[in-house]
N, C-alpha and C. Protein backbone atom coordinates (compact mmCIF):
# COMPACT_ATOMS: atom_id res chain seq x y z
N MET A 1 -74.77 42.50 -164.32
CA MET A 1 -75.13 41.77 -165.53
C MET A 1 -73.98 40.70 -165.54
N LEU A 2 -74.83 39.82 -165.79
CA LEU A 2 -74.19 38.33 -165.85
C LEU A 2 -73.20 38.31 -167.16
N ALA A 3 -72.60 37.23 -167.11
CA ALA A 3 -71.39 37.35 -168.19
C ALA A 3 -71.48 37.22 -169.85
N GLY A 4 -73.06 37.25 -169.95
CA GLY A 4 -73.34 37.10 -171.42
C GLY A 4 -75.14 36.43 -170.88
N PRO A 5 -75.56 36.40 -171.95
CA PRO A 5 -77.08 35.46 -172.28
C PRO A 5 -76.52 34.11 -172.39
N VAL A 6 -77.32 33.37 -171.72
CA VAL A 6 -77.60 32.02 -171.46
C VAL A 6 -78.85 31.35 -172.79
N ARG A 7 -78.38 30.94 -173.48
CA ARG A 7 -79.10 30.41 -174.59
C ARG A 7 -79.00 29.09 -174.48
N VAL A 8 -78.12 28.72 -175.90
CA VAL A 8 -77.97 27.78 -176.11
C VAL A 8 -76.73 27.23 -175.78
N LEU A 9 -75.96 26.02 -175.11
CA LEU A 9 -74.94 25.43 -174.75
C LEU A 9 -74.51 24.54 -175.47
N GLU A 10 -73.83 24.21 -175.98
CA GLU A 10 -73.62 23.06 -176.37
C GLU A 10 -72.14 22.67 -176.26
N GLY A 11 -71.44 21.42 -176.11
CA GLY A 11 -69.98 20.86 -176.22
C GLY A 11 -69.96 19.14 -174.95
N PRO A 12 -68.86 19.32 -175.11
CA PRO A 12 -68.25 18.23 -174.48
C PRO A 12 -69.02 17.77 -172.96
N ILE A 13 -69.30 17.08 -172.41
CA ILE A 13 -69.47 16.70 -171.12
C ILE A 13 -68.95 16.11 -170.30
N SER A 14 -68.67 17.04 -168.91
CA SER A 14 -68.21 15.49 -167.95
C SER A 14 -69.03 15.39 -166.94
N VAL A 15 -68.95 13.99 -166.70
CA VAL A 15 -69.35 13.41 -165.46
C VAL A 15 -68.77 13.08 -164.34
N LEU A 16 -69.72 13.59 -163.31
CA LEU A 16 -69.26 13.24 -162.22
C LEU A 16 -70.64 12.27 -161.67
N ASP A 17 -69.91 11.22 -161.43
CA ASP A 17 -71.66 10.14 -161.05
C ASP A 17 -71.57 9.60 -159.73
N ARG A 18 -71.91 11.22 -158.87
CA ARG A 18 -72.03 10.85 -157.59
C ARG A 18 -73.12 11.91 -157.13
N ASP A 19 -74.00 11.22 -155.90
CA ASP A 19 -74.93 11.65 -155.54
C ASP A 19 -74.84 12.61 -154.61
N ASP A 20 -75.51 13.56 -153.83
CA ASP A 20 -75.32 13.97 -152.25
C ASP A 20 -74.11 14.88 -152.35
N VAL A 21 -73.50 15.38 -153.67
CA VAL A 21 -72.26 16.28 -153.16
C VAL A 21 -72.35 17.98 -152.66
N ASP A 22 -72.13 18.19 -151.76
CA ASP A 22 -72.33 19.20 -150.63
C ASP A 22 -71.64 20.19 -151.17
N THR A 23 -72.03 20.95 -150.58
CA THR A 23 -70.62 22.48 -150.98
C THR A 23 -69.67 22.57 -150.51
N ASP A 24 -69.53 21.83 -149.64
CA ASP A 24 -68.00 22.06 -148.90
C ASP A 24 -67.23 21.00 -150.07
N GLN A 25 -68.08 19.81 -150.47
CA GLN A 25 -66.66 18.89 -151.24
C GLN A 25 -66.60 20.04 -152.93
N ILE A 26 -68.00 20.60 -152.86
CA ILE A 26 -67.36 21.48 -154.32
C ILE A 26 -66.57 22.81 -153.91
N VAL A 27 -66.46 23.23 -152.92
CA VAL A 27 -65.03 24.22 -152.67
C VAL A 27 -65.03 24.38 -151.16
N PRO A 28 -63.82 23.78 -150.77
CA PRO A 28 -63.81 23.37 -149.22
C PRO A 28 -63.74 24.62 -148.76
N LYS A 29 -64.32 24.81 -147.28
CA LYS A 29 -64.02 26.27 -146.54
C LYS A 29 -62.89 26.87 -146.34
N GLN A 30 -61.83 26.29 -146.26
CA GLN A 30 -60.23 26.88 -146.33
C GLN A 30 -60.07 28.05 -147.69
N PHE A 31 -60.93 28.16 -148.09
CA PHE A 31 -60.91 28.17 -149.30
C PHE A 31 -61.77 29.86 -149.55
N LEU A 32 -62.87 30.00 -148.87
CA LEU A 32 -63.58 31.11 -149.00
C LEU A 32 -63.47 32.11 -148.73
N LYS A 33 -62.26 32.47 -148.32
CA LYS A 33 -61.76 34.17 -147.65
C LYS A 33 -61.73 35.08 -148.73
N ARG A 34 -62.15 34.90 -149.99
CA ARG A 34 -61.78 35.56 -151.03
C ARG A 34 -63.25 36.54 -151.58
N VAL A 35 -63.09 37.67 -151.86
CA VAL A 35 -64.62 38.32 -151.93
C VAL A 35 -64.91 38.82 -153.24
N GLN A 36 -64.53 38.37 -154.27
CA GLN A 36 -64.26 38.64 -155.56
C GLN A 36 -64.74 36.94 -156.04
N ARG A 37 -65.38 36.90 -157.49
CA ARG A 37 -66.21 35.54 -157.65
C ARG A 37 -65.42 35.13 -158.63
N THR A 38 -64.20 35.38 -159.15
CA THR A 38 -62.96 34.63 -159.69
C THR A 38 -61.84 33.83 -158.98
N GLY A 39 -61.20 32.76 -159.23
CA GLY A 39 -60.21 32.18 -158.76
C GLY A 39 -60.67 31.31 -158.05
N PHE A 40 -62.12 30.80 -157.90
CA PHE A 40 -62.47 29.38 -156.74
C PHE A 40 -62.50 28.53 -157.50
N GLY A 41 -61.95 28.07 -159.04
CA GLY A 41 -61.99 27.23 -159.65
C GLY A 41 -60.94 26.32 -159.96
N GLU A 42 -60.09 26.85 -159.31
CA GLU A 42 -58.57 25.99 -158.99
C GLU A 42 -58.84 25.05 -157.46
N PHE A 43 -60.41 25.06 -156.80
CA PHE A 43 -60.08 24.47 -155.50
C PHE A 43 -61.44 23.52 -155.87
N LEU A 44 -61.97 23.84 -156.96
CA LEU A 44 -63.30 23.06 -157.02
C LEU A 44 -62.79 21.19 -157.06
N PHE A 45 -63.80 21.05 -156.31
CA PHE A 45 -63.42 19.51 -155.66
C PHE A 45 -62.03 19.21 -155.04
N TYR A 46 -61.49 20.13 -154.18
CA TYR A 46 -60.08 20.07 -154.41
C TYR A 46 -59.60 18.73 -153.10
N ASP A 47 -60.47 17.97 -152.44
CA ASP A 47 -60.11 17.03 -152.20
C ASP A 47 -60.25 15.76 -152.98
N TRP A 48 -61.21 16.10 -153.74
CA TRP A 48 -61.16 14.93 -154.92
C TRP A 48 -60.30 14.94 -155.41
N ALA A 49 -60.05 15.96 -156.10
CA ALA A 49 -58.61 16.08 -156.99
C ALA A 49 -57.63 15.53 -157.12
N LYS A 50 -57.28 14.77 -155.67
CA LYS A 50 -56.15 14.62 -155.03
C LYS A 50 -56.15 12.44 -155.41
N GLU A 51 -57.33 12.15 -155.60
CA GLU A 51 -57.61 10.80 -155.16
C GLU A 51 -56.63 10.48 -156.82
N PRO A 52 -56.64 9.16 -156.80
CA PRO A 52 -56.02 8.65 -157.89
C PRO A 52 -56.64 8.20 -158.60
N GLY A 53 -56.59 8.93 -160.09
CA GLY A 53 -57.77 8.39 -161.35
C GLY A 53 -58.74 9.38 -161.17
N TRP A 54 -58.54 10.50 -160.50
CA TRP A 54 -59.74 11.73 -161.00
C TRP A 54 -59.47 12.30 -162.02
N SER A 55 -60.50 12.59 -162.57
CA SER A 55 -60.10 13.29 -163.82
C SER A 55 -61.36 13.73 -163.95
N LEU A 56 -61.60 15.04 -164.27
CA LEU A 56 -62.96 15.90 -164.24
C LEU A 56 -62.33 16.89 -165.27
N PRO A 57 -62.56 17.16 -166.60
CA PRO A 57 -62.01 17.93 -167.33
C PRO A 57 -63.07 18.96 -167.95
N ALA A 58 -62.34 20.44 -167.65
CA ALA A 58 -63.45 21.35 -167.72
C ALA A 58 -64.56 21.83 -169.09
N HIS A 59 -65.47 20.82 -169.19
CA HIS A 59 -66.18 20.92 -170.19
C HIS A 59 -67.05 21.77 -170.19
N PRO A 60 -68.12 22.31 -171.38
CA PRO A 60 -69.13 23.49 -170.61
C PRO A 60 -70.43 22.66 -169.98
N ILE A 61 -70.38 21.34 -170.44
CA ILE A 61 -71.56 20.68 -169.42
C ILE A 61 -71.12 19.82 -168.42
N LEU A 62 -71.70 19.76 -167.41
CA LEU A 62 -71.54 19.04 -166.02
C LEU A 62 -72.39 17.85 -165.90
N VAL A 63 -72.32 16.57 -165.74
CA VAL A 63 -73.74 15.92 -165.52
C VAL A 63 -73.54 15.17 -164.52
N THR A 64 -74.50 15.38 -163.16
CA THR A 64 -73.82 14.40 -162.27
C THR A 64 -75.44 13.83 -161.58
N GLY A 65 -75.53 13.84 -160.25
CA GLY A 65 -76.23 12.41 -159.75
C GLY A 65 -77.23 13.99 -158.83
N ARG A 66 -77.87 13.20 -157.91
CA ARG A 66 -79.20 13.60 -157.54
C ARG A 66 -78.68 14.24 -156.06
N ASN A 67 -79.33 15.66 -155.96
CA ASN A 67 -79.17 16.37 -154.65
C ASN A 67 -78.08 17.27 -154.70
N PHE A 68 -77.53 17.02 -155.60
CA PHE A 68 -76.11 18.23 -156.14
C PHE A 68 -76.03 19.96 -155.47
N GLY A 69 -75.51 20.14 -154.83
CA GLY A 69 -75.20 21.34 -154.28
C GLY A 69 -75.81 21.40 -152.72
N CYS A 70 -76.02 20.63 -152.26
CA CYS A 70 -76.97 20.31 -150.88
C CYS A 70 -75.91 20.77 -150.05
N GLY A 71 -76.44 21.10 -148.62
CA GLY A 71 -75.42 21.53 -147.49
C GLY A 71 -75.79 23.13 -147.37
N SER A 72 -74.49 23.70 -147.12
CA SER A 72 -74.79 25.05 -146.24
C SER A 72 -74.81 25.86 -147.96
N SER A 73 -75.52 27.48 -147.79
CA SER A 73 -75.65 27.89 -148.58
C SER A 73 -74.60 28.68 -149.12
N ARG A 74 -73.81 28.23 -149.75
CA ARG A 74 -72.14 29.26 -150.29
C ARG A 74 -72.29 29.32 -151.77
N GLU A 75 -72.09 30.81 -151.56
CA GLU A 75 -72.02 31.37 -152.99
C GLU A 75 -70.92 30.78 -154.27
N GLN A 76 -69.81 30.57 -153.26
CA GLN A 76 -68.62 30.15 -153.94
C GLN A 76 -68.93 28.64 -154.45
N ALA A 77 -69.61 27.94 -154.07
CA ALA A 77 -69.99 26.66 -155.04
C ALA A 77 -70.16 27.04 -156.27
N PRO A 78 -71.17 27.78 -157.09
CA PRO A 78 -71.58 27.97 -158.26
C PRO A 78 -70.50 29.20 -158.81
N TRP A 79 -69.96 29.74 -158.18
CA TRP A 79 -68.36 30.28 -158.88
C TRP A 79 -67.34 29.85 -159.21
N ALA A 80 -67.62 28.78 -158.45
CA ALA A 80 -66.01 27.58 -158.25
C ALA A 80 -66.45 26.80 -159.69
N LEU A 81 -67.38 26.49 -159.47
CA LEU A 81 -67.79 25.64 -160.87
C LEU A 81 -67.90 26.72 -162.18
N GLN A 82 -68.83 27.54 -162.44
CA GLN A 82 -68.33 28.41 -163.50
C GLN A 82 -66.82 28.64 -163.52
N ASP A 83 -65.88 29.52 -162.87
CA ASP A 83 -65.02 29.54 -162.87
C ASP A 83 -63.78 28.29 -163.71
N TYR A 84 -63.97 27.45 -163.39
CA TYR A 84 -63.57 26.03 -163.76
C TYR A 84 -63.91 25.68 -165.38
N GLY A 85 -65.07 26.23 -165.83
CA GLY A 85 -65.35 26.19 -167.30
C GLY A 85 -66.80 26.07 -167.59
N PHE A 86 -67.65 25.51 -165.95
CA PHE A 86 -68.96 24.76 -166.52
C PHE A 86 -69.65 25.85 -166.50
N ARG A 87 -70.68 25.82 -167.47
CA ARG A 87 -71.85 26.42 -167.87
C ARG A 87 -73.30 26.35 -167.80
N ALA A 88 -73.31 24.81 -168.00
CA ALA A 88 -74.77 23.79 -167.71
C ALA A 88 -74.38 22.75 -166.83
N ILE A 89 -75.21 22.61 -165.20
CA ILE A 89 -75.31 21.51 -164.94
C ILE A 89 -76.40 20.43 -165.11
N ILE A 90 -76.34 19.41 -165.25
CA ILE A 90 -77.51 18.49 -165.40
C ILE A 90 -77.42 17.29 -164.31
N ALA A 91 -78.91 17.34 -163.51
CA ALA A 91 -78.63 16.23 -162.23
C ALA A 91 -80.45 15.89 -162.52
N PRO A 92 -80.81 14.91 -161.48
CA PRO A 92 -81.26 14.61 -161.44
C PRO A 92 -82.53 15.92 -160.26
N SER A 93 -81.68 16.25 -159.30
CA SER A 93 -81.94 17.10 -157.98
C SER A 93 -81.09 17.87 -157.67
N PHE A 94 -81.29 19.25 -157.20
CA PHE A 94 -80.48 20.39 -156.49
C PHE A 94 -80.39 20.55 -155.18
N GLY A 95 -79.50 21.11 -154.66
CA GLY A 95 -80.03 21.70 -153.84
C GLY A 95 -80.56 22.90 -153.56
N ASP A 96 -81.67 23.48 -152.78
CA ASP A 96 -82.80 24.52 -153.08
C ASP A 96 -81.61 25.70 -153.50
N ILE A 97 -80.93 26.41 -152.42
CA ILE A 97 -80.38 27.16 -152.15
C ILE A 97 -79.46 27.35 -153.41
N PHE A 98 -78.62 25.97 -153.44
CA PHE A 98 -77.74 26.52 -154.88
C PHE A 98 -78.03 26.43 -156.28
N TYR A 99 -79.16 25.69 -156.25
CA TYR A 99 -79.91 25.78 -157.58
C TYR A 99 -80.14 27.40 -157.66
N SER A 100 -80.53 28.27 -156.58
CA SER A 100 -80.85 29.87 -156.73
C SER A 100 -79.65 30.37 -156.90
N ASN A 101 -78.10 30.06 -156.40
CA ASN A 101 -77.64 30.84 -156.40
C ASN A 101 -76.42 30.85 -157.88
N CYS A 102 -77.29 29.53 -158.35
CA CYS A 102 -76.40 29.16 -159.93
C CYS A 102 -76.96 30.20 -161.18
N THR A 103 -78.36 29.89 -160.87
CA THR A 103 -79.25 30.97 -161.48
C THR A 103 -78.67 32.67 -161.63
N LYS A 104 -78.42 33.07 -160.08
CA LYS A 104 -77.89 34.50 -160.04
C LYS A 104 -76.53 34.38 -160.92
N VAL A 105 -75.99 33.86 -161.04
CA VAL A 105 -74.56 34.12 -161.86
C VAL A 105 -74.33 33.43 -163.03
N GLY A 106 -75.50 32.94 -163.82
CA GLY A 106 -75.62 32.30 -165.07
C GLY A 106 -75.62 30.63 -165.43
N LEU A 107 -75.50 30.10 -164.49
CA LEU A 107 -75.05 28.60 -164.64
C LEU A 107 -76.15 28.55 -164.26
N LEU A 108 -76.57 27.63 -165.64
CA LEU A 108 -78.00 27.02 -165.55
C LEU A 108 -77.85 25.63 -165.22
N PRO A 109 -78.58 25.20 -164.31
CA PRO A 109 -79.15 24.19 -163.39
C PRO A 109 -79.93 23.47 -164.14
N VAL A 110 -80.21 22.65 -164.75
CA VAL A 110 -81.13 21.58 -165.10
C VAL A 110 -81.67 20.19 -164.40
N ARG A 111 -82.86 20.29 -164.52
CA ARG A 111 -83.56 18.99 -164.03
C ARG A 111 -84.55 18.31 -164.33
N LEU A 112 -83.76 17.13 -164.69
CA LEU A 112 -84.13 16.00 -165.58
C LEU A 112 -84.50 14.59 -164.61
N PRO A 113 -85.21 14.18 -165.26
CA PRO A 113 -85.11 12.10 -164.66
C PRO A 113 -84.49 12.06 -164.77
N GLU A 114 -83.91 10.76 -163.84
CA GLU A 114 -82.48 10.09 -163.27
C GLU A 114 -82.23 9.21 -164.42
N SER A 115 -83.55 8.87 -165.37
CA SER A 115 -83.10 8.22 -166.70
C SER A 115 -82.61 8.59 -168.05
N ASP A 116 -82.97 9.93 -167.90
CA ASP A 116 -82.59 10.82 -168.82
C ASP A 116 -81.14 11.45 -168.39
N VAL A 117 -80.96 11.47 -167.56
CA VAL A 117 -79.05 12.03 -166.74
C VAL A 117 -78.54 10.43 -167.03
N ARG A 118 -78.74 9.31 -166.46
CA ARG A 118 -77.86 8.53 -166.50
C ARG A 118 -77.76 8.32 -168.79
N ALA A 119 -78.76 8.56 -169.14
CA ALA A 119 -78.55 8.23 -170.94
C ALA A 119 -77.52 9.23 -171.36
N ILE A 120 -77.51 10.92 -170.78
CA ILE A 120 -76.23 11.63 -171.05
C ILE A 120 -75.43 11.61 -170.75
N MET A 121 -75.33 10.73 -169.46
CA MET A 121 -73.74 10.44 -169.43
C MET A 121 -73.08 9.33 -169.96
N LYS A 122 -73.43 9.10 -170.32
CA LYS A 122 -73.48 7.64 -171.60
C LYS A 122 -72.89 8.53 -173.08
N ARG A 123 -73.34 9.38 -173.00
CA ARG A 123 -72.54 10.17 -174.31
C ARG A 123 -71.36 11.64 -174.43
N SER A 124 -71.06 11.34 -175.23
CA SER A 124 -69.63 12.21 -175.00
C SER A 124 -70.00 13.86 -174.74
N ALA A 125 -71.04 14.43 -175.73
CA ALA A 125 -71.51 15.86 -175.55
C ALA A 125 -73.19 15.99 -175.96
N ALA A 126 -73.49 16.95 -175.58
CA ALA A 126 -74.87 17.04 -175.47
C ALA A 126 -75.58 18.47 -175.87
N VAL A 127 -76.51 19.50 -176.49
CA VAL A 127 -77.18 20.84 -176.15
C VAL A 127 -77.73 20.97 -175.12
N VAL A 128 -77.32 21.71 -174.53
CA VAL A 128 -78.76 22.46 -173.52
C VAL A 128 -79.37 23.66 -173.42
N ASP A 129 -80.22 23.55 -174.43
CA ASP A 129 -81.12 24.54 -175.07
C ASP A 129 -82.01 25.28 -174.10
N LEU A 130 -81.54 26.34 -173.48
CA LEU A 130 -82.46 27.35 -172.98
C LEU A 130 -83.77 27.57 -173.56
N GLU A 131 -83.64 28.25 -174.77
CA GLU A 131 -84.63 28.68 -175.27
C GLU A 131 -85.70 27.89 -175.96
N ARG A 132 -85.51 26.35 -176.36
CA ARG A 132 -86.58 25.79 -176.71
C ARG A 132 -86.72 24.86 -174.91
N LEU A 133 -85.99 24.84 -174.08
CA LEU A 133 -85.86 24.10 -173.06
C LEU A 133 -86.29 22.75 -173.28
N GLU A 134 -84.68 22.40 -173.57
CA GLU A 134 -84.58 20.72 -174.09
C GLU A 134 -82.93 20.50 -174.26
N VAL A 135 -83.03 19.15 -173.70
CA VAL A 135 -81.39 18.97 -173.47
C VAL A 135 -81.24 17.71 -174.84
N ARG A 136 -80.30 17.99 -175.72
CA ARG A 136 -80.29 17.07 -176.58
C ARG A 136 -79.05 16.54 -176.90
N ALA A 137 -78.73 15.04 -177.27
CA ALA A 137 -78.06 14.07 -177.33
C ALA A 137 -77.92 13.63 -178.24
N VAL A 138 -77.00 12.87 -179.02
CA VAL A 138 -77.13 11.20 -179.72
C VAL A 138 -78.07 10.72 -178.74
N GLY A 139 -79.29 10.36 -179.91
CA GLY A 139 -80.66 9.73 -179.84
C GLY A 139 -81.56 9.90 -178.40
N LEU A 140 -81.02 11.52 -178.10
CA LEU A 140 -81.69 11.51 -176.81
C LEU A 140 -82.75 13.01 -176.81
N ARG A 141 -83.40 13.07 -176.76
CA ARG A 141 -84.54 14.93 -176.54
C ARG A 141 -85.01 14.95 -174.94
N ALA A 142 -84.41 15.42 -174.61
CA ALA A 142 -85.63 16.06 -172.83
C ALA A 142 -85.81 16.94 -172.84
N PRO A 143 -87.05 17.25 -172.90
CA PRO A 143 -87.64 18.75 -172.03
C PRO A 143 -87.66 18.71 -170.87
N PHE A 144 -86.91 20.33 -170.31
CA PHE A 144 -86.83 20.39 -168.80
C PHE A 144 -87.73 21.87 -168.02
N GLN A 145 -88.08 22.31 -167.34
CA GLN A 145 -88.39 23.29 -167.07
C GLN A 145 -87.84 24.23 -166.04
N ILE A 146 -88.04 25.24 -166.02
CA ILE A 146 -87.42 26.30 -165.44
C ILE A 146 -88.15 27.41 -164.91
N GLU A 147 -88.11 28.07 -164.20
CA GLU A 147 -89.29 29.02 -163.21
C GLU A 147 -89.23 30.38 -164.77
N PRO A 148 -90.15 30.96 -165.21
CA PRO A 148 -90.29 31.62 -166.50
C PRO A 148 -89.08 33.09 -166.20
N ALA A 149 -89.45 33.62 -164.80
CA ALA A 149 -88.93 34.66 -164.89
C ALA A 149 -87.06 34.38 -164.92
N VAL A 150 -87.29 33.48 -164.42
CA VAL A 150 -85.61 32.97 -164.36
C VAL A 150 -85.13 32.97 -165.63
N ARG A 151 -85.96 32.37 -166.07
CA ARG A 151 -85.29 32.26 -168.09
C ARG A 151 -85.60 33.13 -168.59
N GLU A 152 -86.46 33.88 -168.04
CA GLU A 152 -85.62 34.95 -169.15
C GLU A 152 -84.51 36.28 -168.45
N ARG A 153 -84.44 36.02 -167.26
CA ARG A 153 -83.37 36.88 -166.96
C ARG A 153 -82.12 36.17 -167.51
N LEU A 154 -82.24 34.78 -167.62
CA LEU A 154 -80.80 34.14 -168.32
C LEU A 154 -80.78 34.86 -169.49
N LEU A 155 -81.82 34.32 -170.29
CA LEU A 155 -81.93 34.33 -171.33
C LEU A 155 -81.21 35.47 -172.23
N GLU A 156 -81.43 37.02 -171.32
CA GLU A 156 -81.19 38.27 -171.64
C GLU A 156 -80.02 38.24 -171.26
N GLY A 157 -79.01 37.66 -170.04
CA GLY A 157 -78.29 38.01 -169.34
C GLY A 157 -78.26 38.83 -168.01
N LEU A 158 -79.35 39.44 -167.65
CA LEU A 158 -79.20 40.32 -166.63
C LEU A 158 -79.87 39.73 -164.73
N ASP A 159 -78.67 40.14 -164.06
CA ASP A 159 -78.73 40.04 -163.16
C ASP A 159 -79.87 40.39 -161.84
N GLU A 160 -80.10 40.20 -161.03
CA GLU A 160 -81.13 40.97 -160.30
C GLU A 160 -81.25 42.17 -160.20
N VAL A 161 -80.07 42.78 -159.70
CA VAL A 161 -79.82 44.43 -159.88
C VAL A 161 -80.05 44.72 -161.05
N THR A 162 -79.58 44.29 -162.12
CA THR A 162 -79.81 44.79 -163.40
C THR A 162 -81.05 44.96 -163.78
N LEU A 163 -81.87 44.04 -163.42
CA LEU A 163 -83.38 43.97 -163.56
C LEU A 163 -83.79 45.07 -162.64
N THR A 164 -83.48 45.53 -161.16
CA THR A 164 -83.78 46.76 -160.34
C THR A 164 -84.17 47.81 -161.20
N LEU A 165 -82.77 47.87 -161.75
CA LEU A 165 -82.31 48.99 -161.91
C LEU A 165 -83.50 49.71 -163.94
N ARG A 166 -83.70 48.58 -163.84
CA ARG A 166 -84.55 48.87 -165.40
C ARG A 166 -85.57 49.46 -165.02
N LYS A 167 -86.37 49.53 -163.45
CA LYS A 167 -87.48 49.77 -163.11
C LYS A 167 -86.97 51.13 -162.53
N ILE A 168 -85.69 51.72 -162.72
CA ILE A 168 -85.39 52.96 -161.74
C ILE A 168 -86.41 53.96 -161.67
N ASP A 169 -86.95 54.47 -163.15
CA ASP A 169 -87.53 55.74 -163.06
C ASP A 169 -89.10 55.33 -162.49
N ALA A 170 -89.69 53.98 -162.16
CA ALA A 170 -90.87 53.67 -161.65
C ALA A 170 -90.66 53.99 -159.92
N ILE A 171 -89.23 53.30 -159.48
CA ILE A 171 -89.14 53.32 -158.22
C ILE A 171 -88.62 54.85 -157.70
N GLU A 172 -87.81 55.92 -158.59
CA GLU A 172 -87.96 57.05 -158.20
C GLU A 172 -89.25 58.06 -158.18
N ALA A 173 -90.12 57.64 -158.86
CA ALA A 173 -91.44 58.23 -158.77
C ALA A 173 -92.10 57.68 -157.19
N TYR A 174 -91.97 56.89 -157.28
CA TYR A 174 -92.56 56.13 -155.71
C TYR A 174 -91.65 56.94 -154.78
N GLU A 175 -90.95 56.87 -154.65
CA GLU A 175 -90.18 57.63 -153.78
C GLU A 175 -90.56 58.95 -153.30
N ARG A 176 -90.54 59.93 -154.35
CA ARG A 176 -91.28 61.22 -154.80
C ARG A 176 -92.58 60.96 -154.14
N SER A 177 -93.50 60.30 -154.55
CA SER A 177 -94.85 60.21 -153.82
C SER A 177 -95.12 59.91 -152.60
N ASP A 178 -93.92 59.03 -152.32
CA ASP A 178 -94.11 58.42 -150.83
C ASP A 178 -93.68 59.85 -149.64
N LEU A 179 -92.44 60.57 -149.96
CA LEU A 179 -92.00 61.42 -149.29
C LEU A 179 -93.01 62.55 -148.81
N LEU A 180 -94.35 62.25 -149.85
CA LEU A 180 -95.21 63.46 -149.33
C LEU A 180 -95.82 63.09 -148.61
N THR A 181 -96.32 61.86 -147.94
CA THR A 181 -97.37 60.76 -147.08
C THR A 181 -96.86 60.30 -146.48
N ILE A 182 -95.18 59.75 -145.88
CA ILE A 182 -94.80 59.29 -144.98
C ILE A 182 -94.40 60.53 -144.46
N PRO A 183 -94.61 60.68 -142.53
CA PRO A 183 -94.09 61.66 -141.81
C PRO A 183 -92.27 61.02 -141.74
N SER A 184 -92.13 62.13 -141.47
CA SER A 184 -90.02 62.10 -141.46
C SER A 184 -89.76 61.92 -140.30
N THR A 185 -89.04 61.31 -140.24
CA THR A 185 -88.06 61.00 -138.47
C THR A 185 -87.08 61.61 -138.44
N SER A 186 -86.87 62.69 -139.50
CA SER A 186 -85.30 63.09 -139.37
C SER A 186 -85.55 65.39 -139.79
N ALA A 187 -84.96 65.62 -139.24
CA ALA A 187 -85.22 67.23 -139.51
C ALA A 187 -84.62 67.57 -141.32
N LEU A 188 -85.33 68.65 -141.78
CA LEU A 188 -85.46 68.65 -142.82
C LEU A 188 -84.82 70.20 -143.15
């Protein structure tokens, strides 16, 4: 089960105006030794956080540049962003595996045209509405798309395991019927 349903996320935004942010920049490899999903937030953008003038408040919405989350298929990257406090990420594009990993943990990635992303970066707050499939900010209303099955899973706060378990009766019925027709390779 996810932390809870994702429906309407609103609040202040944090802006990371950089393109091609890869998963090693999001959470560097030396911090990947943990097996639990928590505790990665303190390592978010670890190297950049040492730069003079770096500031990235832990607001619910992160607005960033193109190709966010490119690079290796590191599950810890979405975990770190979520652990830090982000609930939604708005960008013109995402690394494919990163995008999928976000949806699996309840972190909502929103693809918008670059002009809309730039406009949102100039605002102090936004509303990401998964129910209505739109992002709203002062003077802006931008529709977005997401796969219907992913949207439904996020709206209900379900992970893939929970979805599978919802069909346990059908799975068990299939397994019982399957045992009658498939030869066994073990002695009973």
